[in-house]
Amino acid sequence: MELIRPRTEHLDGYLDALRRGWSPNTEHVGFDQAEIDRVVGDPDRFLELCDDPEGRGDPIELADGTRVPRLPGLTRWMWDGEFAGSINVRWRPGTTDLPPTCLGHIGYAVVPWKRRRGYASAALAAVLPLAAAQGLPFVEITTDEANVASQRVIEAAGGVPIERFTKLESSGGGPAVRFRVDLGGPAA
């Protein structure tokens, strides 16, 4: 498995995963027609926003319908000859702080039919240098308290739990754990 920058030739695999019920948004439950519409409606714009280091894209709509400004971010896809999942890094320039509506600097999701192959662990390890390149001395990653598999992925990357909390309803609600992964940079 390798991380790739999404390109036109990869879109069919991404759309296939969406049509099979997978979503890159772990707070989304069920078929993600809105994501399919974004890709099909303007594939060039969709791909452009996969590398958006200035956060120039349209606002993000949260699970409760709230719209918030888009953060700068980079998205990469897990690829093993076909689409296997996505991982993204997001940040606010000049600070490690994130708005309360953003649960962490990194988010990832593997398609169900490719889980338990180590793809999330490999993707997280591979994306940490991208986060460091943005000047982040550490990243915070949040997972649901019940998602033991994701907690193991984060811990394997050096993540240390720093907080247990209840997610805002706009982020799906429920108990969660926030981890911090040191990237070796100067403390912010």
Protein backbone atom coordinates (compact mmCIF):
# COMPACT_ATOMS: atom_id res chain seq x y z
CA MET A 1 0.00 0.00 0.00
CA GLU A 2 1.20 3.48 -0.85
CA LEU A 3 -0.16 6.96 -0.31
CA ILE A 4 -0.97 8.78 -3.51
CA ARG A 5 -2.09 12.27 -4.36
CA PRO A 6 -5.60 11.87 -5.81
CA ARG A 7 -5.70 12.25 -9.59
CA THR A 8 -8.31 11.90 -12.32
CA GLU A 9 -7.31 8.31 -13.07
CA HIS A 10 -8.10 7.33 -9.44
CA LEU A 11 -11.59 8.84 -9.27
CA ASP A 12 -13.45 5.73 -10.46
CA GLY A 13 -12.06 3.74 -7.53
CA TYR A 14 -13.02 6.47 -5.08
CA LEU A 15 -16.53 6.70 -6.52
CA ASP A 16 -16.88 2.92 -6.38
CA ALA A 17 -16.06 2.97 -2.65
CA LEU A 18 -18.60 5.74 -2.06
CA ARG A 19 -21.28 3.87 -4.00
CA ARG A 20 -20.57 0.79 -1.88
CA GLY A 21 -21.46 2.80 1.24
CA TRP A 22 -18.02 3.91 2.49
CA SER A 23 -17.42 7.56 3.42
CA PRO A 24 -14.21 9.46 4.16
CA ASN A 25 -16.14 11.23 6.90
CA THR A 26 -16.19 8.87 9.88
CA GLU A 27 -19.06 10.87 11.39
CA HIS A 28 -21.22 10.11 8.34
CA VAL A 29 -23.44 7.06 8.59
CA GLY A 30 -24.73 5.39 5.42
CA PHE A 31 -24.57 6.27 1.75
CA ASP A 32 -22.75 9.59 1.15
CA GLN A 33 -24.60 11.02 -1.85
CA ALA A 34 -23.34 14.53 -1.12
CA GLU A 35 -19.73 13.37 -1.55
CA ILE A 36 -20.60 11.57 -4.79
CA ASP A 37 -22.31 14.74 -6.05
CA ARG A 38 -19.19 16.82 -5.22
CA VAL A 39 -16.95 14.46 -7.18
CA VAL A 40 -19.23 13.99 -10.18
CA GLY A 41 -20.40 17.62 -10.27
CA ASP A 42 -16.89 19.09 -10.59
CA PRO A 43 -14.14 16.47 -10.52
CA ASP A 44 -11.39 19.02 -11.23
CA ARG A 45 -12.45 21.20 -8.28
CA PHE A 46 -12.75 18.12 -6.06
CA LEU A 47 -9.19 17.07 -6.92
CA GLU A 48 -7.91 20.65 -6.50
CA LEU A 49 -9.28 20.72 -2.94
CA CYS A 50 -7.37 17.54 -2.06
CA ASP A 51 -4.34 19.84 -1.88
CA ASP A 52 -5.61 23.04 -0.31
CA PRO A 53 -2.77 24.44 1.84
CA GLU A 54 -4.44 27.85 1.98
CA GLY A 55 -7.91 26.62 2.94
CA ARG A 56 -9.51 28.33 -0.05
CA GLY A 57 -12.23 25.72 -0.53
CA ASP A 58 -15.88 26.12 0.30
CA PRO A 59 -16.96 25.90 3.95
CA ILE A 60 -17.34 22.43 5.47
CA GLU A 61 -20.81 21.20 6.44
CA LEU A 62 -20.84 19.37 9.76
CA ALA A 63 -23.12 16.45 10.70
CA ASP A 64 -25.69 18.84 12.20
CA GLY A 65 -25.77 21.06 9.08
CA THR A 66 -23.57 23.80 10.58
CA ARG A 67 -21.15 25.30 8.05
CA VAL A 68 -17.64 26.23 9.21
CA PRO A 69 -14.64 27.70 7.35
CA ARG A 70 -12.41 25.17 5.62
CA LEU A 71 -9.01 24.71 7.20
CA PRO A 72 -5.87 24.37 5.10
CA GLY A 73 -5.33 20.71 4.38
CA LEU A 74 -3.87 17.90 2.31
CA THR A 75 -5.62 14.64 1.40
CA ARG A 76 -3.92 11.46 0.28
CA TRP A 77 -5.46 8.17 -0.76
CA MET A 78 -4.40 4.71 0.30
CA TRP A 79 -3.74 2.75 -2.87
CA ASP A 80 -2.87 -0.92 -3.34
CA GLY A 81 -3.65 -1.09 -7.04
CA GLU A 82 -7.13 0.17 -6.21
CA PHE A 83 -8.66 2.64 -3.78
CA ALA A 84 -8.27 1.50 -0.15
CA GLY A 85 -9.02 4.59 1.96
CA SER A 86 -8.12 8.20 2.64
CA ILE A 87 -6.13 10.20 5.15
CA ASN A 88 -5.91 13.96 5.56
CA VAL A 89 -3.94 16.53 7.48
CA ARG A 90 -5.45 19.89 8.45
CA TRP A 91 -4.07 22.82 10.41
CA ARG A 92 -4.39 26.51 11.21
CA PRO A 93 -1.36 28.55 10.10
CA GLY A 94 0.87 29.75 12.92
CA THR A 95 -0.71 27.67 15.68
CA THR A 96 -1.30 24.09 16.79
CA ASP A 97 -4.79 25.05 17.97
CA LEU A 98 -7.81 23.84 16.04
CA PRO A 99 -11.36 25.19 16.19
CA PRO A 100 -13.70 23.20 18.47
CA THR A 101 -15.50 21.88 15.38
CA CYS A 102 -12.33 20.10 14.18
CA LEU A 103 -11.51 17.02 16.24
CA GLY A 104 -7.87 16.66 15.20
CA HIS A 105 -5.06 17.43 12.78
CA ILE A 106 -5.37 14.05 11.05
CA GLY A 107 -8.35 11.98 10.01
CA TYR A 108 -8.37 8.65 8.20
CA ALA A 109 -10.76 5.95 7.02
CA VAL A 110 -10.07 2.60 5.38
CA VAL A 111 -12.72 0.93 3.22
CA PRO A 112 -14.28 -1.99 5.15
CA TRP A 113 -13.18 -4.63 2.62
CA LYS A 114 -9.50 -3.69 3.13
CA ARG A 115 -9.36 -3.35 6.89
CA ARG A 116 -7.07 -5.42 9.13
CA ARG A 117 -4.20 -5.22 6.61
CA GLY A 118 -2.19 -2.52 8.37
CA TYR A 119 -3.18 0.17 5.87
CA ALA A 120 -4.24 2.75 8.47
CA SER A 121 -0.98 2.28 10.39
CA ALA A 122 1.11 2.61 7.23
CA ALA A 123 -0.86 5.65 6.05
CA LEU A 124 -0.56 7.41 9.39
CA ALA A 125 3.20 6.80 9.54
CA ALA A 126 3.55 8.08 5.95
CA VAL A 127 1.49 11.24 6.48
CA LEU A 128 3.24 12.43 9.65
CA PRO A 129 6.11 14.00 7.64
CA LEU A 130 3.51 16.03 5.69
CA ALA A 131 2.21 17.40 9.00
CA ALA A 132 5.75 18.18 10.18
CA ALA A 133 6.42 19.98 6.89
CA GLN A 134 3.57 22.37 7.78
CA GLY A 135 5.50 23.37 10.91
CA LEU A 136 3.47 21.35 13.38
CA PRO A 137 5.56 20.13 16.34
CA PHE A 138 2.83 17.57 17.13
CA VAL A 139 -0.53 16.43 15.84
CA GLU A 140 -3.66 15.57 17.73
CA ILE A 141 -5.87 12.72 16.53
CA THR A 142 -9.25 11.84 17.96
CA THR A 143 -11.09 8.55 17.85
CA ASP A 144 -14.26 7.22 19.39
CA GLU A 145 -13.70 5.68 22.81
CA ALA A 146 -15.08 2.34 21.54
CA ASN A 147 -12.82 2.26 18.45
CA VAL A 148 -10.00 0.18 19.90
CA ALA A 149 -8.56 -0.61 16.45
CA SER A 150 -8.07 3.10 15.69
CA GLN A 151 -6.55 3.66 19.13
CA ARG A 152 -3.98 0.95 18.38
CA VAL A 153 -3.14 2.59 15.04
CA ILE A 154 -2.53 5.93 16.76
CA GLU A 155 -0.50 4.36 19.57
CA ALA A 156 1.67 2.51 17.02
CA ALA A 157 2.54 5.93 15.53
CA GLY A 158 3.65 7.18 18.96
CA GLY A 159 0.30 8.59 20.04
CA VAL A 160 -0.28 9.18 23.73
CA PRO A 161 -3.80 9.75 25.09
CA ILE A 162 -4.15 13.28 26.45
CA GLU A 163 -7.89 13.72 26.92
CA ARG A 164 -11.16 11.84 27.21
CA PHE A 165 -14.16 13.98 26.31
CA THR A 166 -17.63 14.03 24.77
CA LYS A 167 -17.72 15.18 21.15
CA LEU A 168 -19.94 18.10 20.23
CA GLU A 169 -23.24 17.10 18.62
CA SER A 170 -22.04 18.87 15.46
CA SER A 171 -19.27 16.24 15.34
CA GLY A 172 -21.55 13.29 15.99
CA GLY A 173 -21.54 13.34 19.81
CA GLY A 174 -20.39 10.49 22.03
CA PRO A 175 -17.33 9.66 24.11
CA ALA A 176 -13.93 10.11 22.45
CA VAL A 177 -10.21 10.02 23.17
CA ARG A 178 -7.73 12.62 21.94
CA PHE A 179 -4.14 11.47 21.31
CA ARG A 180 -1.01 13.52 20.68
CA VAL A 181 1.82 12.39 18.40
CA ASP A 182 5.10 14.28 18.82
CA LEU A 183 6.68 15.18 15.48
CA GLY A 184 9.98 16.21 17.00
CA GLY A 185 9.63 19.91 16.25
CA PRO A 186 9.89 22.86 18.65
CA ALA A 187 7.02 23.15 21.15
CA ALA A 188 4.36 25.61 20.11
